Amino acid sequence: MSRLILFNKPYGVLCQFTNESTGAPRPTLADYIDLPGVYPAGRLDLDSEGLLLLTDDGRLQARIADPRYKMPKTYLVQVEGEPTDASLDALRKGVRLKDGPTLPAEVERIAAPDLWPRDPPVRFRKTVPDCWLRLTIREGRNRQVRRMTAAVGLPTLRLVRWSIGDWTIEGIAPGEWRAA
């Protein structure tokens, strides 16, 4: 029987079990998960937080990570600025990035979610408004959500992956994991 782990990746943690870079040492999955034989199904950037799925099943790993399967990934995104109807419509239709157009996203403005504090905190600027979006995509290009929001004039300040398919981090604290 295959294993599936739901991990709430904290900000600043590498999505790998070793830190082979020559730069400053960074925390890795090995600092949080001591289970042999499980590997991440997809990635989250160093500066992104939230749900990372790990499994020991190569087929399941491919189904989760491969864009062919168009598994929905939902993010809570704090952006700089106030979204307009036009910027939200552009995300809903798909935006053109340097590596081509994106598939349409589901997006809505939401109230600030009740999330854990981020360390380090997001920089607050009195003169620049920010807001939160719930954004769902069905692809997984490198830094895609950040590039999409920037393309419509809304730079991302904080990015938390909330769910992948039916799996969610609800009730899982940062740095914690549970078996699905």
Protein backbone atom coordinates (compact mmCIF):
# COMPACT_ATOMS: atom_id res chain seq x y z
CA MET A 1 0.00 0.00 0.00
CA SER A 2 1.40 3.38 -0.97
CA ARG A 3 2.06 6.15 1.51
CA LEU A 4 0.91 9.74 1.07
CA ILE A 5 2.13 12.48 3.40
CA LEU A 6 0.59 15.97 3.66
CA PHE A 7 3.24 18.44 4.82
CA ASN A 8 2.77 22.12 5.63
CA LYS A 9 6.06 23.49 4.30
CA PRO A 10 7.26 26.57 6.18
CA TYR A 11 8.74 29.60 4.45
CA GLY A 12 12.45 29.14 3.71
CA VAL A 13 12.50 25.33 3.59
CA LEU A 14 13.97 23.58 0.53
CA CYS A 15 11.70 21.01 -1.15
CA GLN A 16 14.39 18.33 -1.06
CA PHE A 17 15.98 16.12 1.57
CA THR A 18 19.55 17.35 1.11
CA ASN A 19 21.14 20.79 0.88
CA GLU A 20 23.84 20.42 -1.71
CA SER A 21 24.17 24.12 -2.54
CA THR A 22 27.38 25.95 -1.79
CA GLY A 23 25.49 28.88 -0.27
CA ALA A 24 24.23 29.31 3.27
CA PRO A 25 22.79 26.16 4.85
CA ARG A 26 19.03 26.02 4.59
CA PRO A 27 16.49 23.77 6.26
CA THR A 28 15.32 20.85 4.13
CA LEU A 29 12.54 18.28 4.27
CA ALA A 30 14.89 16.05 6.28
CA ASP A 31 14.62 18.56 9.15
CA TYR A 32 10.88 17.82 9.37
CA ILE A 33 10.18 14.38 7.90
CA ASP A 34 12.01 11.25 9.02
CA LEU A 35 10.36 8.68 6.78
CA PRO A 36 12.47 6.62 4.39
CA GLY A 37 11.40 6.27 0.78
CA VAL A 38 9.01 9.20 0.41
CA TYR A 39 9.64 11.92 -2.17
CA PRO A 40 7.90 15.20 -3.02
CA ALA A 41 5.23 15.14 -5.71
CA GLY A 42 5.95 18.57 -7.13
CA ARG A 43 7.72 21.50 -5.53
CA LEU A 44 7.16 24.72 -3.68
CA ASP A 45 9.63 27.59 -3.95
CA LEU A 46 11.82 28.50 -1.01
CA ASP A 47 9.73 31.62 -0.41
CA SER A 48 6.36 29.84 -0.71
CA GLU A 49 4.53 28.03 2.07
CA GLY A 50 1.86 25.41 2.42
CA LEU A 51 0.87 22.00 1.15
CA LEU A 52 3.53 19.70 -0.19
CA LEU A 53 2.57 16.10 -0.91
CA LEU A 54 5.14 13.33 -0.49
CA THR A 55 4.69 9.71 -1.50
CA ASP A 56 6.54 6.45 -2.00
CA ASP A 57 4.42 5.64 -5.07
CA GLY A 58 5.98 6.77 -8.37
CA ARG A 59 2.68 6.52 -10.27
CA LEU A 60 0.86 8.64 -7.71
CA GLN A 61 3.76 11.10 -7.67
CA ALA A 62 3.46 11.51 -11.45
CA ARG A 63 -0.33 11.91 -11.32
CA ILE A 64 -0.01 14.68 -8.75
CA ALA A 65 2.91 16.54 -10.32
CA ASP A 66 2.44 16.04 -14.07
CA PRO A 67 0.55 18.94 -15.71
CA ARG A 68 -1.12 16.47 -18.11
CA TYR A 69 -3.45 15.44 -15.31
CA LYS A 70 -4.47 19.07 -14.61
CA MET A 71 -4.88 18.47 -10.89
CA PRO A 72 -6.20 21.70 -9.33
CA LYS A 73 -3.84 23.52 -6.97
CA THR A 74 -5.35 26.28 -4.84
CA TYR A 75 -3.29 29.09 -3.39
CA LEU A 76 -4.00 31.87 -0.92
CA VAL A 77 -2.10 34.82 -2.35
CA GLN A 78 -1.41 38.14 -0.67
CA VAL A 79 -0.79 40.69 -3.41
CA GLU A 80 0.37 44.27 -3.43
CA GLY A 81 -2.28 46.62 -4.79
CA GLU A 82 -6.01 46.48 -5.35
CA PRO A 83 -7.22 44.09 -8.03
CA THR A 84 -9.52 45.51 -10.67
CA ASP A 85 -12.22 43.59 -12.49
CA ALA A 86 -9.93 43.70 -15.54
CA SER A 87 -6.96 42.18 -13.68
CA LEU A 88 -9.11 39.39 -12.23
CA ASP A 89 -10.71 38.75 -15.64
CA ALA A 90 -7.24 38.51 -17.21
CA LEU A 91 -6.29 35.80 -14.69
CA ARG A 92 -9.57 34.01 -15.38
CA LYS A 93 -8.88 34.00 -19.13
CA GLY A 94 -5.19 33.10 -18.81
CA VAL A 95 -2.29 35.51 -19.10
CA ARG A 96 0.65 35.54 -21.50
CA LEU A 97 3.96 34.82 -19.80
CA LYS A 98 7.42 34.65 -21.38
CA ASP A 99 7.03 30.88 -21.75
CA GLY A 100 3.56 31.16 -23.32
CA PRO A 101 -0.04 31.65 -22.27
CA THR A 102 -1.34 30.09 -19.07
CA LEU A 103 -4.51 28.11 -18.79
CA PRO A 104 -7.42 30.04 -17.26
CA ALA A 105 -7.33 30.31 -13.47
CA GLU A 106 -10.17 30.43 -10.99
CA VAL A 107 -9.67 33.55 -8.89
CA GLU A 108 -11.62 35.53 -6.32
CA ARG A 109 -10.82 38.23 -3.83
CA ILE A 110 -11.12 36.98 -0.23
CA ALA A 111 -10.88 38.41 3.27
CA ALA A 112 -7.48 38.04 4.91
CA PRO A 113 -7.30 34.35 5.93
CA ASP A 114 -6.55 33.28 9.48
CA LEU A 115 -3.03 31.98 8.84
CA TRP A 116 -0.01 31.46 11.05
CA PRO A 117 2.46 34.35 11.23
CA ARG A 118 5.22 34.17 8.66
CA ASP A 119 8.85 34.37 9.73
CA PRO A 120 10.12 36.77 8.49
CA PRO A 121 6.90 38.75 8.28
CA VAL A 122 5.71 40.28 5.02
CA ARG A 123 6.88 43.88 4.80
CA PHE A 124 4.03 46.26 5.59
CA ARG A 125 3.82 49.60 3.76
CA LYS A 126 1.29 52.20 4.93
CA THR A 127 1.01 53.82 1.52
CA VAL A 128 0.59 50.64 -0.55
CA PRO A 129 -2.60 48.62 -0.14
CA ASP A 130 -2.62 44.84 -0.28
CA CYS A 131 -5.31 42.19 -0.47
CA TRP A 132 -5.79 38.44 -0.61
CA LEU A 133 -6.86 36.24 -3.50
CA ARG A 134 -7.83 32.58 -3.72
CA LEU A 135 -6.35 31.38 -6.99
CA THR A 136 -6.64 27.88 -8.50
CA ILE A 137 -4.49 26.72 -11.39
CA ARG A 138 -4.25 23.40 -13.21
CA GLU A 139 -0.64 23.58 -14.37
CA GLY A 140 2.54 23.95 -12.40
CA ARG A 141 5.12 26.05 -14.16
CA ASN A 142 8.08 27.48 -12.30
CA ARG A 143 6.87 30.37 -10.07
CA GLN A 144 3.67 30.44 -12.10
CA VAL A 145 1.32 32.10 -9.59
CA ARG A 146 3.87 34.84 -8.83
CA ARG A 147 4.43 35.47 -12.53
CA MET A 148 0.68 35.51 -13.25
CA THR A 149 -0.16 38.04 -10.55
CA ALA A 150 2.82 40.21 -11.56
CA ALA A 151 1.65 40.11 -15.19
CA VAL A 152 -1.62 41.79 -14.16
CA GLY A 153 0.09 44.38 -11.95
CA LEU A 154 -0.34 42.63 -8.59
CA PRO A 155 3.06 41.50 -7.23
CA THR A 156 2.83 38.58 -4.80
CA LEU A 157 3.81 39.30 -1.21
CA ARG A 158 2.92 35.94 0.35
CA LEU A 159 2.00 32.65 -1.29
CA VAL A 160 0.44 29.72 0.57
CA ARG A 161 -0.61 26.57 -1.29
CA TRP A 162 -3.79 25.54 0.48
CA SER A 163 -4.81 22.44 -1.46
CA ILE A 164 -3.98 20.01 -4.25
CA GLY A 165 -7.03 18.18 -5.53
CA ASP A 166 -8.99 17.13 -2.44
CA TRP A 167 -5.96 17.25 -0.12
CA THR A 168 -5.59 20.32 2.08
CA ILE A 169 -3.38 21.64 4.88
CA GLU A 170 -6.36 22.59 7.01
CA GLY A 171 -5.48 21.73 10.60
CA ILE A 172 -1.78 21.07 9.88
CA ALA A 173 0.59 23.58 11.50
CA PRO A 174 3.67 24.80 9.60
CA GLY A 175 6.45 22.23 9.83
CA GLU A 176 3.97 19.45 10.70
CA TRP A 177 2.76 16.56 8.58
CA ARG A 178 0.17 13.81 8.65
CA ALA A 179 -0.55 10.72 6.65
CA ALA A 180 -3.49 10.94 4.24
